[in-house]
Amino acid sequence: MMWPFRAPYPVLHECLVNLKGGKTAFRGAVWRRRDGFLVLKRAVQLLDEGRPVKRPLDGELVIPEGNIEFLQVLG
């Protein structure tokens, strides 16, 4: 994924992150982008294999940027 934002945007913003394939999605605060990875805090899984879920995740969620289809800033 080409990162279209300049620092610090959208860091520290609530975002919706959809992974490639459209079957997995997360919501969380973008904490940082580092070495090709996006780190979310307070992450909640919204889609699991295409099924709606609302599953809070413990700790930080680290997502390889190459797996991200799109990112939507929510707030």
C-alpha atoms as a PDB file:
ATOM      1  CA  MET A   1       0.000   0.000   0.000  1.00  0.00           C
ATOM      2  CA  MET A   2       1.370   3.411  -0.841  1.00  0.00           C
ATOM      3  CA  TRP A   3       1.048   5.613   2.227  1.00  0.00           C
ATOM      4  CA  PRO A   4      -0.786   8.736   1.013  1.00  0.00           C
ATOM      5  CA  PHE A   5      -0.424  10.695   4.259  1.00  0.00           C
ATOM      6  CA  ARG A   6       2.382  12.843   5.554  1.00  0.00           C
ATOM      7  CA  ALA A   7       3.306  12.523   9.229  1.00  0.00           C
ATOM      8  CA  PRO A   8       1.619  12.917  11.641  1.00  0.00           C
ATOM      9  CA  TYR A   9      -1.713  12.442   9.808  1.00  0.00           C
ATOM     10  CA  PRO A  10      -3.654  10.145  10.474  1.00  0.00           C
ATOM     11  CA  VAL A  11      -1.615   9.035  13.500  1.00  0.00           C
ATOM     12  CA  LEU A  12      -3.666   9.214  16.704  1.00  0.00           C
ATOM     13  CA  HIS A  13      -6.916   9.226  14.718  1.00  0.00           C
ATOM     14  CA  GLU A  14      -9.607   6.566  14.884  1.00  0.00           C
ATOM     15  CA  CYS A  15      -9.533   4.582  11.632  1.00  0.00           C
ATOM     16  CA  LEU A  16     -11.201   1.678   9.899  1.00  0.00           C
ATOM     17  CA  VAL A  17      -8.645  -0.674   8.327  1.00  0.00           C
ATOM     18  CA  ASN A  18      -9.812  -3.160   5.694  1.00  0.00           C
ATOM     19  CA  LEU A  19      -7.444  -5.932   4.716  1.00  0.00           C
ATOM     20  CA  LYS A  20      -7.036  -7.264   1.187  1.00  0.00           C
ATOM     21  CA  GLY A  21      -9.731  -9.702   0.169  1.00  0.00           C
ATOM     22  CA  GLY A  22     -12.450  -7.758   2.006  1.00  0.00           C
ATOM     23  CA  LYS A  23     -13.006 -10.459   4.621  1.00  0.00           C
ATOM     24  CA  THR A  24     -11.249  -8.857   7.594  1.00  0.00           C
ATOM     25  CA  ALA A  25     -11.621  -5.362   9.050  1.00  0.00           C
ATOM     26  CA  PHE A  26     -10.461  -3.609  12.197  1.00  0.00           C
ATOM     27  CA  ARG A  27     -11.223  -0.331  13.927  1.00  0.00           C
ATOM     28  CA  GLY A  28      -8.712   1.355  16.194  1.00  0.00           C
ATOM     29  CA  ALA A  29      -6.505   4.347  16.877  1.00  0.00           C
ATOM     30  CA  VAL A  30      -3.516   4.508  14.542  1.00  0.00           C
ATOM     31  CA  TRP A  31      -0.621   4.648  16.971  1.00  0.00           C
ATOM     32  CA  ARG A  32       2.325   4.600  14.591  1.00  0.00           C
ATOM     33  CA  ARG A  33       3.655   3.480  11.242  1.00  0.00           C
ATOM     34  CA  ARG A  34       7.062   1.859  11.373  1.00  0.00           C
ATOM     35  CA  ASP A  35       9.171  -0.322   9.097  1.00  0.00           C
ATOM     36  CA  GLY A  36       6.268  -1.252   6.827  1.00  0.00           C
ATOM     37  CA  PHE A  37       3.806  -1.931   9.641  1.00  0.00           C
ATOM     38  CA  LEU A  38       0.784  -0.041  10.978  1.00  0.00           C
ATOM     39  CA  VAL A  39       0.189  -0.226  14.750  1.00  0.00           C
ATOM     40  CA  LEU A  40      -3.350   0.150  16.142  1.00  0.00           C
ATOM     41  CA  LYS A  41      -4.287   0.663  19.798  1.00  0.00           C
ATOM     42  CA  ARG A  42      -7.737  -0.069  21.245  1.00  0.00           C
ATOM     43  CA  ALA A  43      -8.358  -2.303  18.224  1.00  0.00           C
ATOM     44  CA  VAL A  44     -11.681  -4.044  17.604  1.00  0.00           C
ATOM     45  CA  GLN A  45     -12.129  -6.692  14.924  1.00  0.00           C
ATOM     46  CA  LEU A  46     -15.260  -5.893  12.909  1.00  0.00           C
ATOM     47  CA  LEU A  47     -15.167  -8.592  10.207  1.00  0.00           C
ATOM     48  CA  ASP A  48     -13.851 -12.137  10.483  1.00  0.00           C
ATOM     49  CA  GLU A  49     -13.903 -14.163   7.246  1.00  0.00           C
ATOM     50  CA  GLY A  50     -16.666 -11.834   6.017  1.00  0.00           C
ATOM     51  CA  ARG A  51     -18.869 -12.336   9.089  1.00  0.00           C
ATOM     52  CA  PRO A  52     -19.687  -9.318  11.257  1.00  0.00           C
ATOM     53  CA  VAL A  53     -18.163  -9.524  14.740  1.00  0.00           C
ATOM     54  CA  LYS A  54     -17.321  -6.964  17.386  1.00  0.00           C
ATOM     55  CA  ARG A  55     -14.312  -8.497  19.099  1.00  0.00           C
ATOM     56  CA  PRO A  56     -12.061  -6.252  21.224  1.00  0.00           C
ATOM     57  CA  LEU A  57      -8.384  -7.221  20.940  1.00  0.00           C
ATOM     58  CA  ASP A  58      -5.874  -7.141  23.776  1.00  0.00           C
ATOM     59  CA  GLY A  59      -2.726  -5.071  23.388  1.00  0.00           C
ATOM     60  CA  GLU A  60      -1.595  -3.520  20.126  1.00  0.00           C
ATOM     61  CA  LEU A  61      -2.464  -4.823  16.675  1.00  0.00           C
ATOM     62  CA  VAL A  62       0.421  -4.824  14.186  1.00  0.00           C
ATOM     63  CA  ILE A  63      -0.617  -5.024  10.513  1.00  0.00           C
ATOM     64  CA  PRO A  64       1.817  -5.323   7.586  1.00  0.00           C
ATOM     65  CA  GLU A  65       1.100  -2.412   5.209  1.00  0.00           C
ATOM     66  CA  GLY A  66       1.139  -4.805   2.253  1.00  0.00           C
ATOM     67  CA  ASN A  67      -2.001  -6.491   3.636  1.00  0.00           C
ATOM     68  CA  ILE A  68      -4.043  -3.266   3.836  1.00  0.00           C
ATOM     69  CA  GLU A  69      -6.582  -2.664   1.082  1.00  0.00           C
ATOM     70  CA  PHE A  70      -7.735   0.709   2.356  1.00  0.00           C
ATOM     71  CA  LEU A  71      -7.810   2.858   5.460  1.00  0.00           C
ATOM     72  CA  GLN A  72     -10.681   5.214   6.337  1.00  0.00           C
ATOM     73  CA  VAL A  73     -10.221   8.004   8.898  1.00  0.00           C
ATOM     74  CA  LEU A  74     -13.300   8.140  11.146  1.00  0.00           C
ATOM     75  CA  GLY A  75     -12.796  11.047  13.446  1.00  0.00           C
END
